[in-house]
Amino acid sequence: MSQEQPPSALSHVRADGSAHMVDVSAKAETSREATAEATLHTTAEVLALVSAAGMPKGDALAVARIAGIMGAKKTSELIPLCHPLPISKVVIDFELDPAGSVRILATVKTRGVTGVEMEALTAVSTAALALYDMIKAVDKHASIDGMRVLAKSGGKSGSWNIAPQLHENPPRRTPRMSACEPLPGPRKAAILISSTRAALGIYEDASAPVISDWLQEHNFDVMPAVIVPDGPSVGAALQGLLLAGTRVIITSGGTGLNPDDTTPEETETLLNRTIPGIMEALRATGRANTPLAALSRGHAGVAGETFIVNLPGSPSGVMDGLTVLSPLIEHICDQIEGRHGH
């Protein structure tokens, strides 16, 4: 007796309720494509590290991209009733929202007798899981949602989509304000601690709380401090914090003469304009307390529309630096924003 199901039934379930693989041998071979999406939610601080390849396990996005491609190729091994397909192309894209989310897009192409929607879904879910694995050490509350097929083409049912403009998300621009306009809200500030020992948990950094209190006193919205090892990790973290929409970044540590004290060098490559007078004032203030302040290196300047300044690693050195910055910081931000009133 035939076990064929009526047209309105699920294609993978026969009339007696048992599952089976659909016979697609009579279907026409056509070019087929599908795009799926998922979103990973984390924090702005973690996203800054992700975008700068500063995660403890390495470049999170690169790992997630490879995982997504592998997932697409393994779909028929993971989903029991999927047909093995000769996949011709897999593209994994990421759209980062500085507020703390990553939109993951997977597009899969083939030429065959059945569609690649499941391959696209498997690719995007595998990429999302791999990204979660990369960040879970620093964000145990990260979550994944919104997995769905966005578009498909090819085959008897033709083409359809639920998001005609998948990639048309123009960057938001902050309009210049006149000197008399009120600020739309608190400016965002970030703290970056360069300390291998603090990053490894050998000791607890004491400078970040001092900087955070000072920033809050000056009406900044302060992100949680980012602590990275000395060296190249500083540059990666700085780039991530710039992408997070910060107006001010204050670093502490890595300004001495040890081989891995490279915070000034990592900072200098990002600056469009330097403000040497600030560093001169910092060293002059520090020398009043200790002659060793003359050995402290660092830069102050503007990267895009963000003010960055390097302070020493010690709490006392940080306090000296903040004393210099107190009468300047609001004017610096006003000028960067075009609110100088000239």
C-alpha atoms as a PDB file:
ATOM      1  CA  MET A   1       0.000   0.000   0.000  1.00  0.00           C
ATOM      2  CA  SER A   2       1.252   3.434  -0.845  1.00  0.00           C
ATOM      3  CA  GLN A   3       2.510   5.529   2.056  1.00  0.00           C
ATOM      4  CA  GLU A   4       2.274   8.820   0.159  1.00  0.00           C
ATOM      5  CA  GLN A   5       0.970  11.754   2.209  1.00  0.00           C
ATOM      6  CA  PRO A   6      -1.743  14.157   1.032  1.00  0.00           C
ATOM      7  CA  PRO A   7      -0.449  17.439  -0.478  1.00  0.00           C
ATOM      8  CA  SER A   8      -1.294  19.443   2.649  1.00  0.00           C
ATOM      9  CA  ALA A   9       0.693  17.174   4.991  1.00  0.00           C
ATOM     10  CA  LEU A  10       4.263  17.637   6.160  1.00  0.00           C
ATOM     11  CA  SER A  11       6.549  16.464   3.372  1.00  0.00           C
ATOM     12  CA  HIS A  12       8.831  14.500   5.696  1.00  0.00           C
ATOM     13  CA  VAL A  13       6.005  12.545   7.383  1.00  0.00           C
ATOM     14  CA  ARG A  14       4.178   9.636   5.734  1.00  0.00           C
ATOM     15  CA  ALA A  15       0.491   8.804   6.234  1.00  0.00           C
ATOM     16  CA  ASP A  16       1.301   6.360   9.035  1.00  0.00           C
ATOM     17  CA  GLY A  17       3.218   9.042  10.936  1.00  0.00           C
ATOM     18  CA  SER A  18       6.699   7.723  10.229  1.00  0.00           C
ATOM     19  CA  ALA A  19       9.449  10.021   9.000  1.00  0.00           C
ATOM     20  CA  HIS A  20      11.160   9.591   5.659  1.00  0.00           C
ATOM     21  CA  MET A  21      13.514  11.406   3.305  1.00  0.00           C
ATOM     22  CA  VAL A  22      11.598  13.043   0.456  1.00  0.00           C
ATOM     23  CA  ASP A  23      12.309  11.659  -3.001  1.00  0.00           C
ATOM     24  CA  VAL A  24      13.627  14.602  -5.048  1.00  0.00           C
ATOM     25  CA  SER A  25      14.850  12.635  -8.061  1.00  0.00           C
ATOM     26  CA  ALA A  26      12.111  13.993 -10.331  1.00  0.00           C
ATOM     27  CA  LYS A  27      12.719  17.643  -9.448  1.00  0.00           C
ATOM     28  CA  ALA A  28      14.456  19.974 -11.882  1.00  0.00           C
ATOM     29  CA  GLU A  29      18.019  21.046 -11.195  1.00  0.00           C
ATOM     30  CA  THR A  30      18.217  24.828 -10.844  1.00  0.00           C
ATOM     31  CA  SER A  31      20.451  27.452  -9.232  1.00  0.00           C
ATOM     32  CA  ARG A  32      19.302  27.978  -5.665  1.00  0.00           C
ATOM     33  CA  GLU A  33      20.229  30.464  -2.971  1.00  0.00           C
ATOM     34  CA  ALA A  34      19.077  31.225   0.579  1.00  0.00           C
ATOM     35  CA  THR A  35      19.998  33.824   3.216  1.00  0.00           C
ATOM     36  CA  ALA A  36      19.380  33.457   6.951  1.00  0.00           C
ATOM     37  CA  GLU A  37      20.113  35.609   9.962  1.00  0.00           C
ATOM     38  CA  ALA A  38      20.584  35.389  13.729  1.00  0.00           C
ATOM     39  CA  THR A  39      21.549  37.956  16.360  1.00  0.00           C
ATOM     40  CA  LEU A  40      23.939  37.589  19.267  1.00  0.00           C
ATOM     41  CA  HIS A  41      23.396  40.004  22.154  1.00  0.00           C
ATOM     42  CA  THR A  42      26.253  40.988  24.444  1.00  0.00           C
ATOM     43  CA  THR A  43      27.587  44.218  25.965  1.00  0.00           C
ATOM     44  CA  ALA A  44      29.171  47.230  24.296  1.00  0.00           C
ATOM     45  CA  GLU A  45      32.418  46.469  26.112  1.00  0.00           C
ATOM     46  CA  VAL A  46      32.577  42.895  24.846  1.00  0.00           C
ATOM     47  CA  LEU A  47      31.624  44.040  21.354  1.00  0.00           C
ATOM     48  CA  ALA A  48      34.533  46.468  21.426  1.00  0.00           C
ATOM     49  CA  LEU A  49      36.889  43.554  22.105  1.00  0.00           C
ATOM     50  CA  VAL A  50      35.225  41.411  19.438  1.00  0.00           C
ATOM     51  CA  SER A  51      35.536  44.085  16.753  1.00  0.00           C
ATOM     52  CA  ALA A  52      39.189  44.645  17.666  1.00  0.00           C
ATOM     53  CA  ALA A  53      40.057  40.919  17.749  1.00  0.00           C
ATOM     54  CA  GLY A  54      40.904  41.374  21.412  1.00  0.00           C
ATOM     55  CA  MET A  55      39.144  38.338  22.911  1.00  0.00           C
ATOM     56  CA  PRO A  56      41.199  35.921  25.063  1.00  0.00           C
ATOM     57  CA  LYS A  57      40.709  33.131  22.488  1.00  0.00           C
ATOM     58  CA  GLY A  58      41.664  35.331  19.526  1.00  0.00           C
ATOM     59  CA  ASP A  59      39.766  36.755  16.555  1.00  0.00           C
ATOM     60  CA  ALA A  60      36.165  35.843  17.390  1.00  0.00           C
ATOM     61  CA  LEU A  61      34.658  36.930  14.085  1.00  0.00           C
ATOM     62  CA  ALA A  62      37.190  34.990  12.018  1.00  0.00           C
ATOM     63  CA  VAL A  63      36.497  31.838  14.022  1.00  0.00           C
ATOM     64  CA  ALA A  64      32.725  32.321  13.746  1.00  0.00           C
ATOM     65  CA  ARG A  65      32.961  32.842   9.981  1.00  0.00           C
ATOM     66  CA  ILE A  66      34.886  29.579   9.475  1.00  0.00           C
ATOM     67  CA  ALA A  67      32.460  27.758  11.798  1.00  0.00           C
ATOM     68  CA  GLY A  68      29.509  28.999   9.746  1.00  0.00           C
ATOM     69  CA  ILE A  69      31.048  27.782   6.500  1.00  0.00           C
ATOM     70  CA  MET A  70      31.778  24.387   8.053  1.00  0.00           C
ATOM     71  CA  GLY A  71      28.250  24.207   9.434  1.00  0.00           C
ATOM     72  CA  ALA A  72      26.716  24.742   6.002  1.00  0.00           C
ATOM     73  CA  LYS A  73      28.789  21.910   4.567  1.00  0.00           C
ATOM     74  CA  LYS A  74      27.812  19.547   7.415  1.00  0.00           C
ATOM     75  CA  THR A  75      24.050  20.232   7.337  1.00  0.00           C
ATOM     76  CA  SER A  76      23.002  16.827   5.976  1.00  0.00           C
ATOM     77  CA  GLU A  77      25.010  15.154   8.761  1.00  0.00           C
ATOM     78  CA  LEU A  78      23.342  17.240  11.468  1.00  0.00           C
ATOM     79  CA  ILE A  79      19.736  17.447  10.226  1.00  0.00           C
ATOM     80  CA  PRO A  80      18.535  13.855   9.727  1.00  0.00           C
ATOM     81  CA  LEU A  81      16.306  14.210   6.657  1.00  0.00           C
ATOM     82  CA  CYS A  82      18.286  16.838   4.718  1.00  0.00           C
ATOM     83  CA  HIS A  83      19.756  15.828   1.374  1.00  0.00           C
ATOM     84  CA  PRO A  84      23.511  16.170   0.824  1.00  0.00           C
ATOM     85  CA  LEU A  85      24.053  19.059  -1.584  1.00  0.00           C
ATOM     86  CA  PRO A  86      27.008  20.226  -3.687  1.00  0.00           C
ATOM     87  CA  ILE A  87      27.364  23.659  -2.102  1.00  0.00           C
ATOM     88  CA  SER A  88      29.017  26.140  -4.432  1.00  0.00           C
ATOM     89  CA  LYS A  89      29.320  29.166  -2.128  1.00  0.00           C
ATOM     90  CA  VAL A  90      28.890  30.194   1.516  1.00  0.00           C
ATOM     91  CA  VAL A  91      29.172  33.818   2.666  1.00  0.00           C
ATOM     92  CA  ILE A  92      29.093  34.774   6.355  1.00  0.00           C
ATOM     93  CA  ASP A  93      28.737  38.483   7.186  1.00  0.00           C
ATOM     94  CA  PHE A  94      28.593  40.360  10.489  1.00  0.00           C
ATOM     95  CA  GLU A  95      26.876  43.661  11.241  1.00  0.00           C
ATOM     96  CA  LEU A  96      28.060  45.110  14.560  1.00  0.00           C
ATOM     97  CA  ASP A  97      25.848  47.444  16.563  1.00  0.00           C
ATOM     98  CA  PRO A  98      28.007  49.444  19.028  1.00  0.00           C
ATOM     99  CA  ALA A  99      25.208  49.123  21.606  1.00  0.00           C
ATOM    100  CA  GLY A 100      26.173  45.465  21.993  1.00  0.00           C
ATOM    101  CA  SER A 101      24.774  43.123  19.347  1.00  0.00           C
ATOM    102  CA  VAL A 102      26.062  41.253  16.320  1.00  0.00           C
ATOM    103  CA  ARG A 103      23.760  40.466  13.414  1.00  0.00           C
ATOM    104  CA  ILE A 104      24.987  37.359  11.630  1.00  0.00           C
ATOM    105  CA  LEU A 105      24.033  36.762   7.994  1.00  0.00           C
ATOM    106  CA  ALA A 106      24.652  33.554   6.054  1.00  0.00           C
ATOM    107  CA  THR A 107      24.088  33.140   2.320  1.00  0.00           C
ATOM    108  CA  VAL A 108      24.416  29.709   0.703  1.00  0.00           C
ATOM    109  CA  LYS A 109      24.322  28.879  -3.023  1.00  0.00           C
ATOM    110  CA  THR A 110      24.091  25.614  -4.946  1.00  0.00           C
ATOM    111  CA  ARG A 111      22.872  24.155  -8.206  1.00  0.00           C
ATOM    112  CA  GLY A 112      20.683  21.184  -7.414  1.00  0.00           C
ATOM    113  CA  VAL A 113      17.227  19.696  -7.033  1.00  0.00           C
ATOM    114  CA  THR A 114      16.364  21.037  -3.566  1.00  0.00           C
ATOM    115  CA  GLY A 115      16.796  24.312  -1.722  1.00  0.00           C
ATOM    116  CA  VAL A 116      19.501  25.471   0.685  1.00  0.00           C
ATOM    117  CA  GLU A 117      17.382  27.121   3.378  1.00  0.00           C
ATOM    118  CA  MET A 118      18.512  24.552   5.952  1.00  0.00           C
ATOM    119  CA  GLU A 119      22.129  25.049   4.968  1.00  0.00           C
ATOM    120  CA  ALA A 120      21.770  28.803   5.485  1.00  0.00           C
ATOM    121  CA  LEU A 121      20.093  28.278   8.867  1.00  0.00           C
ATOM    122  CA  THR A 122      22.733  25.775   9.958  1.00  0.00           C
ATOM    123  CA  ALA A 123      25.492  28.130   8.836  1.00  0.00           C
ATOM    124  CA  VAL A 124      24.115  31.110  10.736  1.00  0.00           C
ATOM    125  CA  SER A 125      23.371  29.103  13.885  1.00  0.00           C
ATOM    126  CA  THR A 126      26.829  27.508  13.886  1.00  0.00           C
ATOM    127  CA  ALA A 127      28.463  30.897  13.418  1.00  0.00           C
ATOM    128  CA  ALA A 128      26.377  32.303  16.289  1.00  0.00           C
ATOM    129  CA  LEU A 129      27.297  29.400  18.569  1.00  0.00           C
ATOM    130  CA  ALA A 130      30.974  29.747  17.729  1.00  0.00           C
ATOM    131  CA  LEU A 131      30.821  33.474  18.478  1.00  0.00           C
ATOM    132  CA  TYR A 132      29.083  32.733  21.785  1.00  0.00           C
ATOM    133  CA  ASP A 133      31.836  30.254  22.638  1.00  0.00           C
ATOM    134  CA  MET A 134      34.455  32.913  21.933  1.00  0.00           C
ATOM    135  CA  ILE A 135      32.894  35.481  24.293  1.00  0.00           C
ATOM    136  CA  LYS A 136      31.372  33.378  27.063  1.00  0.00           C
ATOM    137  CA  ALA A 137      34.465  33.780  29.240  1.00  0.00           C
ATOM    138  CA  VAL A 138      33.828  37.523  29.483  1.00  0.00           C
ATOM    139  CA  ASP A 139      30.029  37.605  29.150  1.00  0.00           C
ATOM    140  CA  LYS A 140      28.098  34.740  30.705  1.00  0.00           C
ATOM    141  CA  HIS A 141      24.792  36.501  29.958  1.00  0.00           C
ATOM    142  CA  ALA A 142      25.187  36.670  26.175  1.00  0.00           C
ATOM    143  CA  SER A 143      22.197  35.375  24.217  1.00  0.00           C
ATOM    144  CA  ILE A 144      21.226  34.379  20.682  1.00  0.00           C
ATOM    145  CA  ASP A 145      17.856  34.988  19.057  1.00  0.00           C
ATOM    146  CA  GLY A 146      16.092  35.939  15.827  1.00  0.00           C
ATOM    147  CA  MET A 147      17.227  32.980  13.722  1.00  0.00           C
ATOM    148  CA  ARG A 148      15.179  32.859  10.515  1.00  0.00           C
ATOM    149  CA  VAL A 149      15.345  32.589   6.741  1.00  0.00           C
ATOM    150  CA  LEU A 150      15.319  36.013   5.114  1.00  0.00           C
ATOM    151  CA  ALA A 151      15.232  35.124   1.442  1.00  0.00           C
ATOM    152  CA  LYS A 152      15.442  32.254  -1.037  1.00  0.00           C
ATOM    153  CA  SER A 153      15.509  31.857  -4.799  1.00  0.00           C
ATOM    154  CA  GLY A 154      15.338  29.031  -7.311  1.00  0.00           C
ATOM    155  CA  GLY A 155      13.190  25.934  -7.547  1.00  0.00           C
ATOM    156  CA  LYS A 156       9.513  25.440  -8.302  1.00  0.00           C
ATOM    157  CA  SER A 157       8.320  27.893  -5.649  1.00  0.00           C
ATOM    158  CA  GLY A 158      10.461  30.702  -7.093  1.00  0.00           C
ATOM    159  CA  SER A 159      11.846  33.598  -5.083  1.00  0.00           C
ATOM    160  CA  TRP A 160      10.666  35.327  -1.948  1.00  0.00           C
ATOM    161  CA  ASN A 161      12.110  37.457   0.826  1.00  0.00           C
ATOM    162  CA  ILE A 162      11.023  39.120   4.030  1.00  0.00           C
ATOM    163  CA  ALA A 163      13.753  41.759   4.105  1.00  0.00           C
ATOM    164  CA  PRO A 164      14.273  43.398   0.702  1.00  0.00           C
ATOM    165  CA  GLN A 165      17.133  45.562   1.963  1.00  0.00           C
ATOM    166  CA  LEU A 166      19.329  43.151   3.877  1.00  0.00           C
ATOM    167  CA  HIS A 167      22.466  45.210   3.981  1.00  0.00           C
ATOM    168  CA  GLU A 168      21.161  48.736   3.676  1.00  0.00           C
ATOM    169  CA  ASN A 169      21.931  49.980   7.176  1.00  0.00           C
ATOM    170  CA  PRO A 170      23.646  53.348   6.597  1.00  0.00           C
ATOM    171  CA  PRO A 171      25.925  54.459   9.426  1.00  0.00           C
ATOM    172  CA  ARG A 172      24.404  56.954  11.768  1.00  0.00           C
ATOM    173  CA  ARG A 173      26.066  60.338  11.697  1.00  0.00           C
ATOM    174  CA  THR A 174      26.128  62.664  14.659  1.00  0.00           C
ATOM    175  CA  PRO A 175      25.204  66.156  13.440  1.00  0.00           C
ATOM    176  CA  ARG A 176      27.375  69.038  14.504  1.00  0.00           C
ATOM    177  CA  MET A 177      25.753  71.181  17.188  1.00  0.00           C
ATOM    178  CA  SER A 178      26.030  74.879  17.792  1.00  0.00           C
ATOM    179  CA  ALA A 179      27.414  76.159  21.073  1.00  0.00           C
ATOM    180  CA  CYS A 180      23.963  77.020  22.396  1.00  0.00           C
ATOM    181  CA  GLU A 181      22.325  73.641  21.765  1.00  0.00           C
ATOM    182  CA  PRO A 182      21.979  71.311  24.778  1.00  0.00           C
ATOM    183  CA  LEU A 183      23.733  67.958  24.672  1.00  0.00           C
ATOM    184  CA  PRO A 184      21.395  65.077  23.702  1.00  0.00           C
ATOM    185  CA  GLY A 185      22.654  63.036  26.675  1.00  0.00           C
ATOM    186  CA  PRO A 186      25.770  62.137  28.668  1.00  0.00           C
ATOM    187  CA  ARG A 187      28.924  61.626  26.671  1.00  0.00           C
ATOM    188  CA  LYS A 188      30.289  58.094  26.667  1.00  0.00           C
ATOM    189  CA  ALA A 189      33.719  57.477  28.157  1.00  0.00           C
ATOM    190  CA  ALA A 190      35.892  54.369  28.357  1.00  0.00           C
ATOM    191  CA  ILE A 191      38.754  53.238  30.568  1.00  0.00           C
ATOM    192  CA  LEU A 192      41.492  50.986  29.223  1.00  0.00           C
ATOM    193  CA  ILE A 193      43.934  49.418  31.686  1.00  0.00           C
ATOM    194  CA  SER A 194      47.175  48.072  30.242  1.00  0.00           C
ATOM    195  CA  SER A 195      48.491  45.528  32.734  1.00  0.00           C
ATOM    196  CA  THR A 196      49.462  41.935  32.081  1.00  0.00           C
ATOM    197  CA  ARG A 197      49.237  41.045  35.775  1.00  0.00           C
ATOM    198  CA  ALA A 198      45.796  42.603  36.188  1.00  0.00           C
ATOM    199  CA  ALA A 199      44.558  40.930  32.995  1.00  0.00           C
ATOM    200  CA  LEU A 200      45.717  37.552  34.351  1.00  0.00           C
ATOM    201  CA  GLY A 201      44.056  38.185  37.721  1.00  0.00           C
ATOM    202  CA  ILE A 202      47.347  38.240  39.659  1.00  0.00           C
ATOM    203  CA  TYR A 203      46.356  41.506  41.303  1.00  0.00           C
ATOM    204  CA  GLU A 204      43.362  43.855  41.241  1.00  0.00           C
ATOM    205  CA  ASP A 205      43.813  47.087  39.348  1.00  0.00           C
ATOM    206  CA  ALA A 206      43.372  50.175  41.537  1.00  0.00           C
ATOM    207  CA  SER A 207      43.466  52.891  38.893  1.00  0.00           C
ATOM    208  CA  ALA A 208      40.236  52.157  37.017  1.00  0.00           C
ATOM    209  CA  PRO A 209      37.948  53.018  39.997  1.00  0.00           C
ATOM    210  CA  VAL A 210      39.748  56.350  40.413  1.00  0.00           C
ATOM    211  CA  ILE A 211      39.269  57.217  36.731  1.00  0.00           C
ATOM    212  CA  SER A 212      35.654  56.023  36.763  1.00  0.00           C
ATOM    213  CA  ASP A 213      34.766  58.216  39.748  1.00  0.00           C
ATOM    214  CA  TRP A 214      36.403  61.226  38.079  1.00  0.00           C
ATOM    215  CA  LEU A 215      34.558  60.662  34.805  1.00  0.00           C
ATOM    216  CA  GLN A 216      31.223  60.331  36.579  1.00  0.00           C
ATOM    217  CA  GLU A 217      31.908  63.555  38.459  1.00  0.00           C
ATOM    218  CA  HIS A 218      32.320  65.178  35.034  1.00  0.00           C
ATOM    219  CA  ASN A 219      28.952  63.778  33.877  1.00  0.00           C
ATOM    220  CA  PHE A 220      30.201  61.022  31.576  1.00  0.00           C
ATOM    221  CA  ASP A 221      28.403  57.759  30.934  1.00  0.00           C
ATOM    222  CA  VAL A 222      31.246  55.424  31.906  1.00  0.00           C
ATOM    223  CA  MET A 223      31.629  51.997  30.318  1.00  0.00           C
ATOM    224  CA  PRO A 224      33.055  49.192  32.506  1.00  0.00           C
ATOM    225  CA  ALA A 225      36.832  49.232  32.427  1.00  0.00           C
ATOM    226  CA  VAL A 226      38.565  47.059  29.830  1.00  0.00           C
ATOM    227  CA  ILE A 227      41.714  45.353  31.141  1.00  0.00           C
ATOM    228  CA  VAL A 228      44.181  43.900  28.630  1.00  0.00           C
ATOM    229  CA  PRO A 229      47.770  42.632  28.751  1.00  0.00           C
ATOM    230  CA  ASP A 230      50.549  45.051  27.892  1.00  0.00           C
ATOM    231  CA  GLY A 231      51.556  45.156  24.235  1.00  0.00           C
ATOM    232  CA  PRO A 232      49.566  44.803  20.993  1.00  0.00           C
ATOM    233  CA  SER A 233      46.323  44.022  22.850  1.00  0.00           C
ATOM    234  CA  VAL A 234      46.185  47.696  23.795  1.00  0.00           C
ATOM    235  CA  GLY A 235      45.927  48.802  20.169  1.00  0.00           C
ATOM    236  CA  ALA A 236      43.242  46.238  19.397  1.00  0.00           C
ATOM    237  CA  ALA A 237      41.209  47.283  22.433  1.00  0.00           C
ATOM    238  CA  LEU A 238      41.545  50.970  21.550  1.00  0.00           C
ATOM    239  CA  GLN A 239      40.173  50.331  18.073  1.00  0.00           C
ATOM    240  CA  GLY A 240      37.240  48.456  19.557  1.00  0.00           C
ATOM    241  CA  LEU A 241      36.458  51.267  22.004  1.00  0.00           C
ATOM    242  CA  LEU A 242      36.549  53.785  19.163  1.00  0.00           C
ATOM    243  CA  LEU A 243      33.935  51.708  17.342  1.00  0.00           C
ATOM    244  CA  ALA A 244      31.790  51.736  20.489  1.00  0.00           C
ATOM    245  CA  GLY A 245      31.110  55.461  20.048  1.00  0.00           C
ATOM    246  CA  THR A 246      33.174  56.813  22.935  1.00  0.00           C
ATOM    247  CA  ARG A 247      33.919  60.526  23.235  1.00  0.00           C
ATOM    248  CA  VAL A 248      36.786  60.046  25.711  1.00  0.00           C
ATOM    249  CA  ILE A 249      39.176  57.129  26.278  1.00  0.00           C
ATOM    250  CA  ILE A 250      41.565  57.264  29.221  1.00  0.00           C
ATOM    251  CA  THR A 251      44.285  54.628  29.329  1.00  0.00           C
ATOM    252  CA  SER A 252      46.356  53.737  32.360  1.00  0.00           C
ATOM    253  CA  GLY A 253      49.572  51.752  32.324  1.00  0.00           C
ATOM    254  CA  GLY A 254      52.100  50.679  29.728  1.00  0.00           C
ATOM    255  CA  THR A 255      53.804  54.087  29.622  1.00  0.00           C
ATOM    256  CA  GLY A 256      57.182  53.083  31.087  1.00  0.00           C
ATOM    257  CA  LEU A 257      60.342  51.647  29.565  1.00  0.00           C
ATOM    258  CA  ASN A 258      59.738  47.906  29.919  1.00  0.00           C
ATOM    259  CA  PRO A 259      59.845  46.044  26.586  1.00  0.00           C
ATOM    260  CA  ASP A 260      56.069  45.515  26.554  1.00  0.00           C
ATOM    261  CA  ASP A 261      55.205  49.081  27.619  1.00  0.00           C
ATOM    262  CA  THR A 262      53.866  50.059  24.197  1.00  0.00           C
ATOM    263  CA  THR A 263      50.678  51.964  25.063  1.00  0.00           C
ATOM    264  CA  PRO A 264      52.056  55.240  23.606  1.00  0.00           C
ATOM    265  CA  GLU A 265      53.032  53.537  20.356  1.00  0.00           C
ATOM    266  CA  GLU A 266      49.675  51.765  20.058  1.00  0.00           C
ATOM    267  CA  THR A 267      47.885  55.066  20.705  1.00  0.00           C
ATOM    268  CA  GLU A 268      49.967  57.202  18.361  1.00  0.00           C
ATOM    269  CA  THR A 269      49.006  55.161  15.296  1.00  0.00           C
ATOM    270  CA  LEU A 270      45.318  56.006  15.871  1.00  0.00           C
ATOM    271  CA  LEU A 271      45.611  59.753  16.461  1.00  0.00           C
ATOM    272  CA  ASN A 272      44.714  62.275  13.757  1.00  0.00           C
ATOM    273  CA  ARG A 273      45.910  65.200  15.889  1.00  0.00           C
ATOM    274  CA  THR A 274      48.118  65.304  18.970  1.00  0.00           C
ATOM    275  CA  ILE A 275      47.880  67.723  21.915  1.00  0.00           C
ATOM    276  CA  PRO A 276      51.471  67.828  23.223  1.00  0.00           C
ATOM    277  CA  GLY A 277      50.723  70.530  25.784  1.00  0.00           C
ATOM    278  CA  ILE A 278      48.628  68.111  27.833  1.00  0.00           C
ATOM    279  CA  MET A 279      51.458  65.610  28.178  1.00  0.00           C
ATOM    280  CA  GLU A 280      53.892  68.426  29.055  1.00  0.00           C
ATOM    281  CA  ALA A 281      51.544  69.521  31.838  1.00  0.00           C
ATOM    282  CA  LEU A 282      51.110  65.920  33.055  1.00  0.00           C
ATOM    283  CA  ARG A 283      54.838  65.375  33.371  1.00  0.00           C
ATOM    284  CA  ALA A 284      55.349  68.754  35.039  1.00  0.00           C
ATOM    285  CA  THR A 285      52.674  67.963  37.627  1.00  0.00           C
ATOM    286  CA  GLY A 286      54.117  64.503  38.235  1.00  0.00           C
ATOM    287  CA  ARG A 287      57.672  65.793  38.675  1.00  0.00           C
ATOM    288  CA  ALA A 288      56.460  67.894  41.617  1.00  0.00           C
ATOM    289  CA  ASN A 289      55.834  64.589  43.430  1.00  0.00           C
ATOM    290  CA  THR A 290      58.550  62.296  42.044  1.00  0.00           C
ATOM    291  CA  PRO A 291      61.482  62.713  39.663  1.00  0.00           C
ATOM    292  CA  LEU A 292      60.511  59.390  38.065  1.00  0.00           C
ATOM    293  CA  ALA A 293      57.581  61.150  36.374  1.00  0.00           C
ATOM    294  CA  ALA A 294      60.068  62.331  33.760  1.00  0.00           C
ATOM    295  CA  LEU A 295      60.316  58.717  32.564  1.00  0.00           C
ATOM    296  CA  SER A 296      56.596  58.388  31.891  1.00  0.00           C
ATOM    297  CA  ARG A 297      55.773  58.362  28.192  1.00  0.00           C
ATOM    298  CA  GLY A 298      52.427  58.927  26.573  1.00  0.00           C
ATOM    299  CA  HIS A 299      50.261  60.806  24.111  1.00  0.00           C
ATOM    300  CA  ALA A 300      47.123  62.912  24.184  1.00  0.00           C
ATOM    301  CA  GLY A 301      45.147  63.656  21.059  1.00  0.00           C
ATOM    302  CA  VAL A 302      42.093  63.134  18.905  1.00  0.00           C
ATOM    303  CA  ALA A 303      41.196  60.016  16.924  1.00  0.00           C
ATOM    304  CA  GLY A 304      38.225  60.843  14.726  1.00  0.00           C
ATOM    305  CA  GLU A 305      35.845  62.425  17.239  1.00  0.00           C
ATOM    306  CA  THR A 306      37.343  60.774  20.337  1.00  0.00           C
ATOM    307  CA  PHE A 307      39.834  62.245  22.793  1.00  0.00           C
ATOM    308  CA  ILE A 308      42.454  59.730  23.964  1.00  0.00           C
ATOM    309  CA  VAL A 309      44.986  60.316  26.734  1.00  0.00           C
ATOM    310  CA  ASN A 310      47.627  57.994  28.226  1.00  0.00           C
ATOM    311  CA  LEU A 311      48.069  58.138  32.001  1.00  0.00           C
ATOM    312  CA  PRO A 312      50.593  56.236  34.133  1.00  0.00           C
ATOM    313  CA  GLY A 313      49.640  52.947  35.775  1.00  0.00           C
ATOM    314  CA  SER A 314      49.861  54.008  39.421  1.00  0.00           C
ATOM    315  CA  PRO A 315      46.841  55.536  41.197  1.00  0.00           C
ATOM    316  CA  SER A 316      48.982  58.519  42.254  1.00  0.00           C
ATOM    317  CA  GLY A 317      50.106  59.098  38.668  1.00  0.00           C
ATOM    318  CA  VAL A 318      46.489  58.816  37.534  1.00  0.00           C
ATOM    319  CA  MET A 319      45.409  61.404  40.094  1.00  0.00           C
ATOM    320  CA  ASP A 320      48.094  63.806  38.862  1.00  0.00           C
ATOM    321  CA  GLY A 321      46.855  63.363  35.310  1.00  0.00           C
ATOM    322  CA  LEU A 322      43.213  63.864  36.225  1.00  0.00           C
ATOM    323  CA  THR A 323      44.131  67.051  38.083  1.00  0.00           C
ATOM    324  CA  VAL A 324      45.534  68.431  34.827  1.00  0.00           C
ATOM    325  CA  LEU A 325      42.513  67.271  32.798  1.00  0.00           C
ATOM    326  CA  SER A 326      39.816  68.609  35.144  1.00  0.00           C
ATOM    327  CA  PRO A 327      39.703  72.184  33.796  1.00  0.00           C
ATOM    328  CA  LEU A 328      40.207  71.001  30.200  1.00  0.00           C
ATOM    329  CA  ILE A 329      38.016  67.977  29.546  1.00  0.00           C
ATOM    330  CA  GLU A 330      34.704  69.744  28.898  1.00  0.00           C
ATOM    331  CA  HIS A 331      36.321  72.270  26.581  1.00  0.00           C
ATOM    332  CA  ILE A 332      38.109  69.472  24.702  1.00  0.00           C
ATOM    333  CA  CYS A 333      34.813  67.647  24.108  1.00  0.00           C
ATOM    334  CA  ASP A 334      33.025  70.857  23.106  1.00  0.00           C
ATOM    335  CA  GLN A 335      35.673  71.601  20.517  1.00  0.00           C
ATOM    336  CA  ILE A 336      35.614  68.076  19.095  1.00  0.00           C
ATOM    337  CA  GLU A 337      31.823  68.404  18.745  1.00  0.00           C
ATOM    338  CA  GLY A 338      32.053  71.850  17.131  1.00  0.00           C
ATOM    339  CA  ARG A 339      30.530  73.548  20.176  1.00  0.00           C
ATOM    340  CA  HIS A 340      33.323  76.082  20.654  1.00  0.00           C
ATOM    341  CA  GLY A 341      31.018  79.032  19.864  1.00  0.00           C
ATOM    342  CA  HIS A 342      33.437  80.757  17.461  1.00  0.00           C
END
